[in-house]
């Protein structure tokens, strides 16, 4: 009986601790630091094929752009702005990879709306978001409000975790080491293409 109680306590503690790893407020996220190694989370391509993040970066240094979803006008505007410096980033030898919790089917729809040369990957379970320390859980009132204006977080992700990223950009080398990060919990504010281009150039030359 005592063993059962201890086991139950440990299970409950683990579940509680896990849930506490995802804050309720984007201003409480704790992103991984510069010089950290990125999590080797498994994500999916637009065709549903699985790939690990360390596989993604092994051939080229990578600019990861974490965005809330194709439904977010601030995200699509930012992605369109980054498309203006895309050729310069690619010429430096980088690849640009966008990651959201959108399902692969939703990513394909996003690519039909925005003309992009870079890769989009699906992190529907939000494992990569948690690993990068940028995940937060949207409250039910916001989920309902979004639903009322036609934004279905559960339908887009295929999960009911209601997790989104604080919008972020990480520059990562081929070993998976973070060289640069920009994380802004205010989803209305994004890194400018000019600053990102300067950061990419700095770390490519170093």
Foldseek 3Di string as FASTA:
>chain_A
DVVVVVVVVVVVVVVVVVVVLAAAALVPFDFDDFQDFADQDWWAFLVGDIDTPLVVFQQFWEKEWEDAALVDPLVLVQQLQLQVCQVVLVVLGYAYEYEYLFDSPRVVVSCVVHPHPGTYIHPLVCPRLSRRRFKHAHDPVVCVVCVVVPHHSCVRNVDDRRIGGQTKIFTAHSNRGTRDMDGDNPSNDDDGSVVVSVSSVVVSVD
